[in-house]
Amino acid sequence: TLARDRLGEKPLYYATSADGFLLF
């Protein structure tokens, strides 16, 4: 589970690689 605070004070980026891994 990825979670981010209510107003967006702290950042969180994510993507899926070509071989199917979730990176964040």
PDB file of all heavy atoms in Angstrom:
ATOM      1  N   THR A   1       0.843  -1.191   0.000  1.00  0.00           N
ATOM      2  CA  THR A   1       0.000   0.000   0.000  1.00  0.00           C
ATOM      3  C   THR A   1       0.878   1.241   0.000  1.00  0.00           C
ATOM      4  O   THR A   1       1.801   1.366   0.813  1.00  0.00           O
ATOM      5  CB  THR A   1      -0.914   0.036   1.240  1.00  0.00           C
ATOM      6  OG1 THR A   1      -1.719  -1.144   1.259  1.00  0.00           O
ATOM      7  CG2 THR A   1      -1.811   1.267   1.215  1.00  0.00           C
ATOM      8  N   LEU A   2       0.605   2.143  -0.923  1.00  0.00           N
ATOM      9  CA  LEU A   2       1.222   3.469  -0.933  1.00  0.00           C
ATOM     10  C   LEU A   2       0.182   4.471  -0.433  1.00  0.00           C
ATOM     11  O   LEU A   2      -0.998   4.369  -0.783  1.00  0.00           O
ATOM     12  CB  LEU A   2       1.665   3.866  -2.333  1.00  0.00           C
ATOM     13  CG  LEU A   2       2.582   2.916  -3.104  1.00  0.00           C
ATOM     14  CD1 LEU A   2       2.959   3.535  -4.458  1.00  0.00           C
ATOM     15  CD2 LEU A   2       3.825   2.571  -2.309  1.00  0.00           C
ATOM     16  N   ALA A   3       0.606   5.443   0.364  1.00  0.00           N
ATOM     17  CA  ALA A   3      -0.327   6.450   0.888  1.00  0.00           C
ATOM     18  C   ALA A   3       0.362   7.798   0.956  1.00  0.00           C
ATOM     19  O   ALA A   3       1.569   7.888   1.225  1.00  0.00           O
ATOM     20  CB  ALA A   3      -0.835   6.041   2.269  1.00  0.00           C
ATOM     21  N   ARG A   4      -0.436   8.846   0.762  1.00  0.00           N
ATOM     22  CA  ARG A   4       0.082  10.222   0.803  1.00  0.00           C
ATOM     23  C   ARG A   4      -0.829  11.067   1.687  1.00  0.00           C
ATOM     24  O   ARG A   4      -2.039  10.844   1.755  1.00  0.00           O
ATOM     25  CB  ARG A   4       0.134  10.801  -0.610  1.00  0.00           C
ATOM     26  CG  ARG A   4       0.895  12.119  -0.704  1.00  0.00           C
ATOM     27  CD  ARG A   4       0.984  12.585  -2.132  1.00  0.00           C
ATOM     28  NE  ARG A   4       1.669  13.877  -2.228  1.00  0.00           N
ATOM     29  CZ  ARG A   4       1.595  14.695  -3.258  1.00  0.00           C
ATOM     30  NH1 ARG A   4       0.860  14.356  -4.313  1.00  0.00           N
ATOM     31  NH2 ARG A   4       2.234  15.852  -3.261  1.00  0.00           N
ATOM     32  N   ASP A   5      -0.256  12.040   2.370  1.00  0.00           N
ATOM     33  CA  ASP A   5      -1.018  12.854   3.314  1.00  0.00           C
ATOM     34  C   ASP A   5      -2.116  13.658   2.634  1.00  0.00           C
ATOM     35  O   ASP A   5      -2.189  13.764   1.412  1.00  0.00           O
ATOM     36  CB  ASP A   5      -0.088  13.760   4.129  1.00  0.00           C
ATOM     37  CG  ASP A   5       0.651  14.774   3.264  1.00  0.00           C
ATOM     38  OD1 ASP A   5      -0.001  15.570   2.574  1.00  0.00           O
ATOM     39  OD2 ASP A   5       1.904  14.798   3.288  1.00  0.00           O
ATOM     40  N   ARG A   6      -2.977  14.257   3.449  1.00  0.00           N
ATOM     41  CA  ARG A   6      -4.232  14.827   2.967  1.00  0.00           C
ATOM     42  C   ARG A   6      -4.045  16.007   2.013  1.00  0.00           C
ATOM     43  O   ARG A   6      -4.808  16.166   1.067  1.00  0.00           O
ATOM     44  CB  ARG A   6      -5.078  15.263   4.163  1.00  0.00           C
ATOM     45  CG  ARG A   6      -5.537  14.117   5.061  1.00  0.00           C
ATOM     46  CD  ARG A   6      -6.150  14.654   6.322  1.00  0.00           C
ATOM     47  NE  ARG A   6      -6.633  13.629   7.235  1.00  0.00           N
ATOM     48  CZ  ARG A   6      -5.875  13.034   8.154  1.00  0.00           C
ATOM     49  NH1 ARG A   6      -4.581  13.354   8.270  1.00  0.00           N
ATOM     50  NH2 ARG A   6      -6.406  12.124   8.959  1.00  0.00           N
ATOM     51  N   LEU A   7      -3.072  16.885   2.281  1.00  0.00           N
ATOM     52  CA  LEU A   7      -2.917  18.098   1.467  1.00  0.00           C
ATOM     53  C   LEU A   7      -1.794  17.998   0.446  1.00  0.00           C
ATOM     54  O   LEU A   7      -1.631  18.901  -0.371  1.00  0.00           O
ATOM     55  CB  LEU A   7      -2.673  19.307   2.376  1.00  0.00           C
ATOM     56  CG  LEU A   7      -3.890  19.987   3.033  1.00  0.00           C
ATOM     57  CD1 LEU A   7      -4.920  20.402   1.986  1.00  0.00           C
ATOM     58  CD2 LEU A   7      -4.539  19.131   4.085  1.00  0.00           C
ATOM     59  N   GLY A   8      -0.996  16.936   0.497  1.00  0.00           N
ATOM     60  CA  GLY A   8       0.098  16.792  -0.456  1.00  0.00           C
ATOM     61  C   GLY A   8       1.386  17.443  -0.014  1.00  0.00           C
ATOM     62  O   GLY A   8       2.174  17.906  -0.845  1.00  0.00           O
ATOM     63  N   GLU A   9       1.625  17.450   1.295  1.00  0.00           N
ATOM     64  CA  GLU A   9       2.858  18.063   1.808  1.00  0.00           C
ATOM     65  C   GLU A   9       4.086  17.250   1.437  1.00  0.00           C
ATOM     66  O   GLU A   9       5.148  17.802   1.168  1.00  0.00           O
ATOM     67  CB  GLU A   9       2.760  18.228   3.326  1.00  0.00           C
ATOM     68  CG  GLU A   9       1.654  19.182   3.752  1.00  0.00           C
ATOM     69  CD  GLU A   9       1.428  19.160   5.253  1.00  0.00           C
ATOM     70  OE1 GLU A   9       2.415  19.338   6.002  1.00  0.00           O
ATOM     71  OE2 GLU A   9       0.275  18.978   5.681  1.00  0.00           O
ATOM     72  N   LYS A  10       3.954  15.919   1.455  1.00  0.00           N
ATOM     73  CA  LYS A  10       5.061  15.043   1.090  1.00  0.00           C
ATOM     74  C   LYS A  10       4.767  14.367  -0.249  1.00  0.00           C
ATOM     75  O   LYS A  10       3.649  13.911  -0.493  1.00  0.00           O
ATOM     76  CB  LYS A  10       5.299  13.998   2.177  1.00  0.00           C
ATOM     77  CG  LYS A  10       5.971  14.582   3.421  1.00  0.00           C
ATOM     78  CD  LYS A  10       7.344  15.139   3.073  1.00  0.00           C
ATOM     79  CE  LYS A  10       7.970  15.912   4.209  1.00  0.00           C
ATOM     80  NZ  LYS A  10       9.259  16.527   3.810  1.00  0.00           N
ATOM     81  N   PRO A  11       5.763  14.288  -1.115  1.00  0.00           N
ATOM     82  CA  PRO A  11       5.539  13.765  -2.476  1.00  0.00           C
ATOM     83  C   PRO A  11       5.708  12.252  -2.555  1.00  0.00           C
ATOM     84  O   PRO A  11       6.405  11.638  -1.748  1.00  0.00           O
ATOM     85  CB  PRO A  11       6.643  14.462  -3.277  1.00  0.00           C
ATOM     86  CG  PRO A  11       7.770  14.608  -2.284  1.00  0.00           C
ATOM     87  CD  PRO A  11       7.119  14.835  -0.934  1.00  0.00           C
ATOM     88  N   LEU A  12       5.078  11.657  -3.561  1.00  0.00           N
ATOM     89  CA  LEU A  12       5.253  10.234  -3.835  1.00  0.00           C
ATOM     90  C   LEU A  12       4.993   9.987  -5.323  1.00  0.00           C
ATOM     91  O   LEU A  12       3.900  10.261  -5.822  1.00  0.00           O
ATOM     92  CB  LEU A  12       4.311   9.395  -2.980  1.00  0.00           C
ATOM     93  CG  LEU A  12       4.505   7.868  -3.009  1.00  0.00           C
ATOM     94  CD1 LEU A  12       5.945   7.488  -2.704  1.00  0.00           C
ATOM     95  CD2 LEU A  12       3.563   7.192  -2.032  1.00  0.00           C
ATOM     96  N   TYR A  13       6.018   9.498  -6.003  1.00  0.00           N
ATOM     97  CA  TYR A  13       5.956   9.203  -7.432  1.00  0.00           C
ATOM     98  C   TYR A  13       5.975   7.688  -7.644  1.00  0.00           C
ATOM     99  O   TYR A  13       6.598   6.960  -6.869  1.00  0.00           O
ATOM    100  CB  TYR A  13       7.161   9.810  -8.156  1.00  0.00           C
ATOM    101  CG  TYR A  13       7.233  11.319  -8.105  1.00  0.00           C
ATOM    102  CD1 TYR A  13       7.803  11.975  -7.015  1.00  0.00           C
ATOM    103  CD2 TYR A  13       6.752  12.083  -9.159  1.00  0.00           C
ATOM    104  CE1 TYR A  13       7.876  13.367  -6.970  1.00  0.00           C
ATOM    105  CE2 TYR A  13       6.825  13.469  -9.130  1.00  0.00           C
ATOM    106  CZ  TYR A  13       7.383  14.104  -8.033  1.00  0.00           C
ATOM    107  OH  TYR A  13       7.445  15.472  -7.994  1.00  0.00           O
ATOM    108  N   TYR A  14       5.327   7.235  -8.719  1.00  0.00           N
ATOM    109  CA  TYR A  14       5.351   5.802  -8.981  1.00  0.00           C
ATOM    110  C   TYR A  14       5.207   5.540 -10.475  1.00  0.00           C
ATOM    111  O   TYR A  14       4.700   6.372 -11.241  1.00  0.00           O
ATOM    112  CB  TYR A  14       4.260   5.070  -8.192  1.00  0.00           C
ATOM    113  CG  TYR A  14       2.845   5.408  -8.595  1.00  0.00           C
ATOM    114  CD1 TYR A  14       2.137   4.601  -9.491  1.00  0.00           C
ATOM    115  CD2 TYR A  14       2.197   6.531  -8.077  1.00  0.00           C
ATOM    116  CE1 TYR A  14       0.834   4.896  -9.864  1.00  0.00           C
ATOM    117  CE2 TYR A  14       0.896   6.830  -8.433  1.00  0.00           C
ATOM    118  CZ  TYR A  14       0.219   6.013  -9.328  1.00  0.00           C
ATOM    119  OH  TYR A  14      -1.073   6.323  -9.694  1.00  0.00           O
ATOM    120  N   ALA A  15       5.664   4.355 -10.879  1.00  0.00           N
ATOM    121  CA  ALA A  15       5.588   3.943 -12.283  1.00  0.00           C
ATOM    122  C   ALA A  15       5.779   2.435 -12.351  1.00  0.00           C
ATOM    123  O   ALA A  15       6.279   1.818 -11.404  1.00  0.00           O
ATOM    124  CB  ALA A  15       6.651   4.651 -13.118  1.00  0.00           C
ATOM    125  N   THR A  16       5.409   1.866 -13.473  1.00  0.00           N
ATOM    126  CA  THR A  16       5.616   0.433 -13.715  1.00  0.00           C
ATOM    127  C   THR A  16       6.691   0.264 -14.779  1.00  0.00           C
ATOM    128  O   THR A  16       6.617   0.884 -15.842  1.00  0.00           O
ATOM    129  CB  THR A  16       4.311  -0.243 -14.181  1.00  0.00           C
ATOM    130  OG1 THR A  16       3.288  -0.009 -13.204  1.00  0.00           O
ATOM    131  CG2 THR A  16       4.512  -1.739 -14.332  1.00  0.00           C
ATOM    132  N   SER A  17       7.682  -0.566 -14.485  1.00  0.00           N
ATOM    133  CA  SER A  17       8.764  -0.805 -15.442  1.00  0.00           C
ATOM    134  C   SER A  17       8.305  -1.746 -16.544  1.00  0.00           C
ATOM    135  O   SER A  17       7.246  -2.388 -16.454  1.00  0.00           O
ATOM    136  CB  SER A  17       9.979  -1.396 -14.720  1.00  0.00           C
ATOM    137  OG  SER A  17       9.667  -2.691 -14.238  1.00  0.00           O
ATOM    138  N   ALA A  18       9.110  -1.871 -17.580  1.00  0.00           N
ATOM    139  CA  ALA A  18       8.746  -2.710 -18.729  1.00  0.00           C
ATOM    140  C   ALA A  18       8.574  -4.169 -18.324  1.00  0.00           C
ATOM    141  O   ALA A  18       7.783  -4.901 -18.944  1.00  0.00           O
ATOM    142  CB  ALA A  18       9.813  -2.585 -19.811  1.00  0.00           C
ATOM    143  N   ASP A  19       9.298  -4.606 -17.289  1.00  0.00           N
ATOM    144  CA  ASP A  19       9.180  -5.999 -16.866  1.00  0.00           C
ATOM    145  C   ASP A  19       8.181  -6.188 -15.724  1.00  0.00           C
ATOM    146  O   ASP A  19       8.147  -7.227 -15.069  1.00  0.00           O
ATOM    147  CB  ASP A  19      10.541  -6.582 -16.485  1.00  0.00           C
ATOM    148  CG  ASP A  19      11.239  -5.783 -15.413  1.00  0.00           C
ATOM    149  OD1 ASP A  19      10.686  -4.742 -14.991  1.00  0.00           O
ATOM    150  OD2 ASP A  19      12.335  -6.190 -14.989  1.00  0.00           O
ATOM    151  N   GLY A  20       7.352  -5.149 -15.496  1.00  0.00           N
ATOM    152  CA  GLY A  20       6.225  -5.309 -14.595  1.00  0.00           C
ATOM    153  C   GLY A  20       6.451  -4.968 -13.152  1.00  0.00           C
ATOM    154  O   GLY A  20       5.562  -5.179 -12.318  1.00  0.00           O
ATOM    155  N   PHE A  21       7.603  -4.423 -12.789  1.00  0.00           N
ATOM    156  CA  PHE A  21       7.832  -4.012 -11.408  1.00  0.00           C
ATOM    157  C   PHE A  21       7.214  -2.635 -11.158  1.00  0.00           C
ATOM    158  O   PHE A  21       7.296  -1.741 -12.010  1.00  0.00           O
ATOM    159  CB  PHE A  21       9.329  -3.936 -11.099  1.00  0.00           C
ATOM    160  CG  PHE A  21       9.947  -5.255 -10.744  1.00  0.00           C
ATOM    161  CD1 PHE A  21      10.620  -6.003 -11.700  1.00  0.00           C
ATOM    162  CD2 PHE A  21       9.854  -5.751  -9.457  1.00  0.00           C
ATOM    163  CE1 PHE A  21      11.182  -7.218 -11.376  1.00  0.00           C
ATOM    164  CE2 PHE A  21      10.418  -6.966  -9.127  1.00  0.00           C
ATOM    165  CZ  PHE A  21      11.089  -7.709 -10.086  1.00  0.00           C
ATOM    166  N   LEU A  22       6.624  -2.472  -9.986  1.00  0.00           N
ATOM    167  CA  LEU A  22       6.181  -1.149  -9.543  1.00  0.00           C
ATOM    168  C   LEU A  22       7.350  -0.476  -8.852  1.00  0.00           C
ATOM    169  O   LEU A  22       7.920  -1.018  -7.905  1.00  0.00           O
ATOM    170  CB  LEU A  22       5.005  -1.246  -8.572  1.00  0.00           C
ATOM    171  CG  LEU A  22       4.545   0.109  -8.006  1.00  0.00           C
ATOM    172  CD1 LEU A  22       3.781   0.905  -9.065  1.00  0.00           C
ATOM    173  CD2 LEU A  22       3.692  -0.068  -6.756  1.00  0.00           C
ATOM    174  N   LEU A  23       7.711   0.711  -9.328  1.00  0.00           N
ATOM    175  CA  LEU A  23       8.762   1.499  -8.703  1.00  0.00           C
ATOM    176  C   LEU A  23       8.118   2.740  -8.081  1.00  0.00           C
ATOM    177  O   LEU A  23       7.195   3.322  -8.656  1.00  0.00           O
ATOM    178  CB  LEU A  23       9.817   1.939  -9.724  1.00  0.00           C
ATOM    179  CG  LEU A  23      10.763   0.854 -10.256  1.00  0.00           C
ATOM    180  CD1 LEU A  23      10.082   0.041 -11.355  1.00  0.00           C
ATOM    181  CD2 LEU A  23      12.035   1.483 -10.807  1.00  0.00           C
ATOM    182  N   PHE A  24       8.617   3.168  -6.921  1.00  0.00           N
ATOM    183  CA  PHE A  24       8.095   4.381  -6.284  1.00  0.00           C
ATOM    184  C   PHE A  24       9.218   5.061  -5.522  1.00  0.00           C
ATOM    185  O   PHE A  24      10.183   4.417  -5.086  1.00  0.00           O
ATOM    186  CB  PHE A  24       6.920   4.062  -5.360  1.00  0.00           C
ATOM    187  CG  PHE A  24       7.205   3.032  -4.305  1.00  0.00           C
ATOM    188  CD1 PHE A  24       7.719   3.397  -3.071  1.00  0.00           C
ATOM    189  CD2 PHE A  24       6.961   1.687  -4.556  1.00  0.00           C
ATOM    190  CE1 PHE A  24       7.996   2.443  -2.108  1.00  0.00           C
ATOM    191  CE2 PHE A  24       7.237   0.726  -3.593  1.00  0.00           C
ATOM    192  CZ  PHE A  24       7.749   1.102  -2.366  1.00  0.00           C
TER     193      PHE A  24
END
